[in-house]
C-alpha atoms as a PDB file:
ATOM      1  CA  UNK A   1      78.372 325.059  73.313  1.00  0.00           C
ATOM      2  CA  UNK A   2      75.119 325.578  72.082  1.00  0.00           C
ATOM      3  CA  UNK A   3      73.381 325.114  69.111  1.00  0.00           C
ATOM      4  CA  UNK A   4      73.825 327.469  66.454  1.00  0.00           C
ATOM      5  CA  UNK A   5      71.155 330.051  65.709  1.00  0.00           C
ATOM      6  CA  UNK A   6      71.609 330.411  62.120  1.00  0.00           C
ATOM      7  CA  UNK A   7      73.151 329.697  58.595  1.00  0.00           C
ATOM      8  CA  UNK A   8      73.956 332.288  56.446  1.00  0.00           C
ATOM      9  CA  UNK A   9      75.866 332.678  53.331  1.00  0.00           C
ATOM     10  CA  UNK A  10      78.951 335.048  54.710  1.00  0.00           C
ATOM     11  CA  UNK A  11      80.327 337.779  52.490  1.00  0.00           C
ATOM     12  CA  UNK A  12      83.554 339.212  52.843  1.00  0.00           C
ATOM     13  CA  UNK A  13      84.047 343.184  50.617  1.00  0.00           C
ATOM     14  CA  UNK A  14      85.560 344.681  53.180  1.00  0.00           C
ATOM     15  CA  UNK A  15      89.246 345.641  52.432  1.00  0.00           C
ATOM     16  CA  UNK A  16      92.361 346.581  54.928  1.00  0.00           C
ATOM     17  CA  UNK A  17      93.142 349.629  56.682  1.00  0.00           C
ATOM     18  CA  UNK A  18      96.234 349.545  54.163  1.00  0.00           C
ATOM     19  CA  UNK A  19      93.898 349.275  51.316  1.00  0.00           C
ATOM     20  CA  UNK A  20      94.427 345.267  50.518  1.00  0.00           C
ATOM     21  CA  UNK A  21      92.724 342.387  50.183  1.00  0.00           C
ATOM     22  CA  UNK A  22      91.613 340.908  53.746  1.00  0.00           C
ATOM     23  CA  UNK A  23      90.899 337.529  55.103  1.00  0.00           C
ATOM     24  CA  UNK A  24      89.103 336.070  57.507  1.00  0.00           C
ATOM     25  CA  UNK A  25      89.908 332.850  59.225  1.00  0.00           C
ATOM     26  CA  UNK A  26      87.128 330.402  60.620  1.00  0.00           C
ATOM     27  CA  UNK A  27      85.726 331.235  64.312  1.00  0.00           C
ATOM     28  CA  UNK A  28      85.769 334.910  63.120  1.00  0.00           C
ATOM     29  CA  UNK A  29      83.241 337.502  65.500  1.00  0.00           C
ATOM     30  CA  UNK A  30      82.267 340.486  63.633  1.00  0.00           C
ATOM     31  CA  UNK A  31      79.173 342.662  64.867  1.00  0.00           C
ATOM     32  CA  UNK A  32      76.031 342.022  62.764  1.00  0.00           C
ATOM     33  CA  UNK A  33      73.517 344.964  62.623  1.00  0.00           C
ATOM     34  CA  UNK A  34      70.297 343.192  63.530  1.00  0.00           C
ATOM     35  CA  UNK A  35      67.904 346.605  64.169  1.00  0.00           C
ATOM     36  CA  UNK A  36      68.648 350.213  63.093  1.00  0.00           C
ATOM     37  CA  UNK A  37      69.655 350.752  66.475  1.00  0.00           C
ATOM     38  CA  UNK A  38      71.156 347.380  67.657  1.00  0.00           C
ATOM     39  CA  UNK A  39      74.470 345.413  66.714  1.00  0.00           C
ATOM     40  CA  UNK A  40      75.612 342.250  67.879  1.00  0.00           C
ATOM     41  CA  UNK A  41      77.896 340.141  68.568  1.00  0.00           C
ATOM     42  CA  UNK A  42      78.523 336.862  66.186  1.00  0.00           C
ATOM     43  CA  UNK A  43      80.628 333.530  65.593  1.00  0.00           C
ATOM     44  CA  UNK A  44      81.745 331.851  62.494  1.00  0.00           C
ATOM     45  CA  UNK A  45      81.679 328.589  61.750  1.00  0.00           C
ATOM     46  CA  UNK A  46      82.984 328.084  58.246  1.00  0.00           C
ATOM     47  CA  UNK A  47      81.029 324.820  56.669  1.00  0.00           C
ATOM     48  CA  UNK A  48      82.878 325.069  53.105  1.00  0.00           C
ATOM     49  CA  UNK A  49      86.367 327.160  53.762  1.00  0.00           C
ATOM     50  CA  UNK A  50      88.868 327.398  56.525  1.00  0.00           C
ATOM     51  CA  UNK A  51      89.261 330.847  55.506  1.00  0.00           C
ATOM     52  CA  UNK A  52      87.187 333.829  53.538  1.00  0.00           C
ATOM     53  CA  UNK A  53      89.382 336.313  51.470  1.00  0.00           C
ATOM     54  CA  UNK A  54      87.820 339.849  50.224  1.00  0.00           C
ATOM     55  CA  UNK A  55      85.265 339.262  46.718  1.00  0.00           C
ATOM     56  CA  UNK A  56      84.601 335.942  48.708  1.00  0.00           C
ATOM     57  CA  UNK A  57      81.639 334.355  50.175  1.00  0.00           C
ATOM     58  CA  UNK A  58      80.950 331.022  52.394  1.00  0.00           C
ATOM     59  CA  UNK A  59      78.538 329.192  54.422  1.00  0.00           C
ATOM     60  CA  UNK A  60      78.746 329.110  57.713  1.00  0.00           C
ATOM     61  CA  UNK A  61      76.747 328.414  61.294  1.00  0.00           C
ATOM     62  CA  UNK A  62      76.302 331.310  63.537  1.00  0.00           C
ATOM     63  CA  UNK A  63      76.016 332.207  67.173  1.00  0.00           C
ATOM     64  CA  UNK A  64      74.388 335.568  67.856  1.00  0.00           C
ATOM     65  CA  UNK A  65      74.783 337.142  71.345  1.00  0.00           C
ATOM     66  CA  UNK A  66      71.991 337.386  73.328  1.00  0.00           C
ATOM     67  CA  UNK A  67      69.571 336.342  71.090  1.00  0.00           C
ATOM     68  CA  UNK A  68      66.260 336.482  73.683  1.00  0.00           C
ATOM     69  CA  UNK A  69      66.792 340.782  73.458  1.00  0.00           C
ATOM     70  CA  UNK A  70      66.054 340.473  69.512  1.00  0.00           C
ATOM     71  CA  UNK A  71      63.200 338.165  69.097  1.00  0.00           C
ATOM     72  CA  UNK A  72      61.820 337.434  65.264  1.00  0.00           C
ATOM     73  CA  UNK A  73      64.833 339.182  63.910  1.00  0.00           C
ATOM     74  CA  UNK A  74      65.380 336.764  61.237  1.00  0.00           C
ATOM     75  CA  UNK A  75      64.330 335.310  58.201  1.00  0.00           C
ATOM     76  CA  UNK A  76      65.151 333.279  55.071  1.00  0.00           C
ATOM     77  CA  UNK A  77      66.781 335.604  53.167  1.00  0.00           C
ATOM     78  CA  UNK A  78      67.137 338.659  55.016  1.00  0.00           C
ATOM     79  CA  UNK A  79      70.127 340.529  54.793  1.00  0.00           C
ATOM     80  CA  UNK A  80      72.449 341.742  57.402  1.00  0.00           C
ATOM     81  CA  UNK A  81      75.788 344.419  57.517  1.00  0.00           C
ATOM     82  CA  UNK A  82      78.401 342.949  59.095  1.00  0.00           C
ATOM     83  CA  UNK A  83      81.232 344.844  61.142  1.00  0.00           C
ATOM     84  CA  UNK A  84      83.578 345.379  63.132  1.00  0.00           C
ATOM     85  CA  UNK A  85      83.167 348.339  65.156  1.00  0.00           C
ATOM     86  CA  UNK A  86      82.116 350.929  62.876  1.00  0.00           C
ATOM     87  CA  UNK A  87      83.817 349.600  59.445  1.00  0.00           C
ATOM     88  CA  UNK A  88      81.096 347.485  57.464  1.00  0.00           C
ATOM     89  CA  UNK A  89      82.687 344.775  56.479  1.00  0.00           C
ATOM     90  CA  UNK A  90      80.885 342.764  54.384  1.00  0.00           C
ATOM     91  CA  UNK A  91      76.938 340.713  54.708  1.00  0.00           C
ATOM     92  CA  UNK A  92      75.130 338.183  55.633  1.00  0.00           C
ATOM     93  CA  UNK A  93      72.246 336.371  53.991  1.00  0.00           C
ATOM     94  CA  UNK A  94      70.077 334.491  56.075  1.00  0.00           C
ATOM     95  CA  UNK A  95      70.163 331.095  54.227  1.00  0.00           C
ATOM     96  CA  UNK A  96      68.107 329.359  57.500  1.00  0.00           C
ATOM     97  CA  UNK A  97      67.285 329.844  61.119  1.00  0.00           C
ATOM     98  CA  UNK A  98      67.458 327.172  63.448  1.00  0.00           C
ATOM     99  CA  UNK A  99      66.624 329.170  66.832  1.00  0.00           C
ATOM    100  CA  UNK A 100      62.940 329.703  66.733  1.00  0.00           C
ATOM    101  CA  UNK A 101      63.497 332.639  69.264  1.00  0.00           C
ATOM    102  CA  UNK A 102      65.170 334.801  65.819  1.00  0.00           C
ATOM    103  CA  UNK A 103      62.361 333.178  63.422  1.00  0.00           C
ATOM    104  CA  UNK A 104      60.375 336.030  61.992  1.00  0.00           C
ATOM    105  CA  UNK A 105      58.153 336.754  59.201  1.00  0.00           C
ATOM    106  CA  UNK A 106      59.546 338.860  56.402  1.00  0.00           C
ATOM    107  CA  UNK A 107      59.660 342.305  57.362  1.00  0.00           C
ATOM    108  CA  UNK A 108      59.895 346.124  56.060  1.00  0.00           C
ATOM    109  CA  UNK A 109      63.232 347.123  57.079  1.00  0.00           C
ATOM    110  CA  UNK A 110      61.793 350.097  59.273  1.00  0.00           C
ATOM    111  CA  UNK A 111      59.243 347.760  61.492  1.00  0.00           C
ATOM    112  CA  UNK A 112      63.176 345.898  62.411  1.00  0.00           C
END
C-alpha cells in the first residue's frame, strides 16, 4: 500500500436513516468533495480511535483515490465535505498534506 495522502480531523455529523446516531469504524471509505464537480473515494485509518460516533471526531490518515486527477487541491486548514453517495455525513479538516501532488496554496472555493 502507498503512503497516506493526508492527515485530517474527521468529524461525523450525519445521523442514520432511522434518525439515530451513526458509528463508523477504522477503514471507513466515504466520498470526499474535492471540487464542486468532483468527488473521490477515501479510506480512513483513525489515529486516536477505532470508531467514531455522530457528534464525535478523530484524527485520521487518508488515502484518496486517483489523486493525480485533482492536483493542488489540498492545504492545511481546508475543510472538505464528506458524503455517502448523495447523503452528507460529515467533514474533514486537513491537518497535514503528505502527497506533494495534492499540495496547493489556499484558494478561494470558486477556484477549486
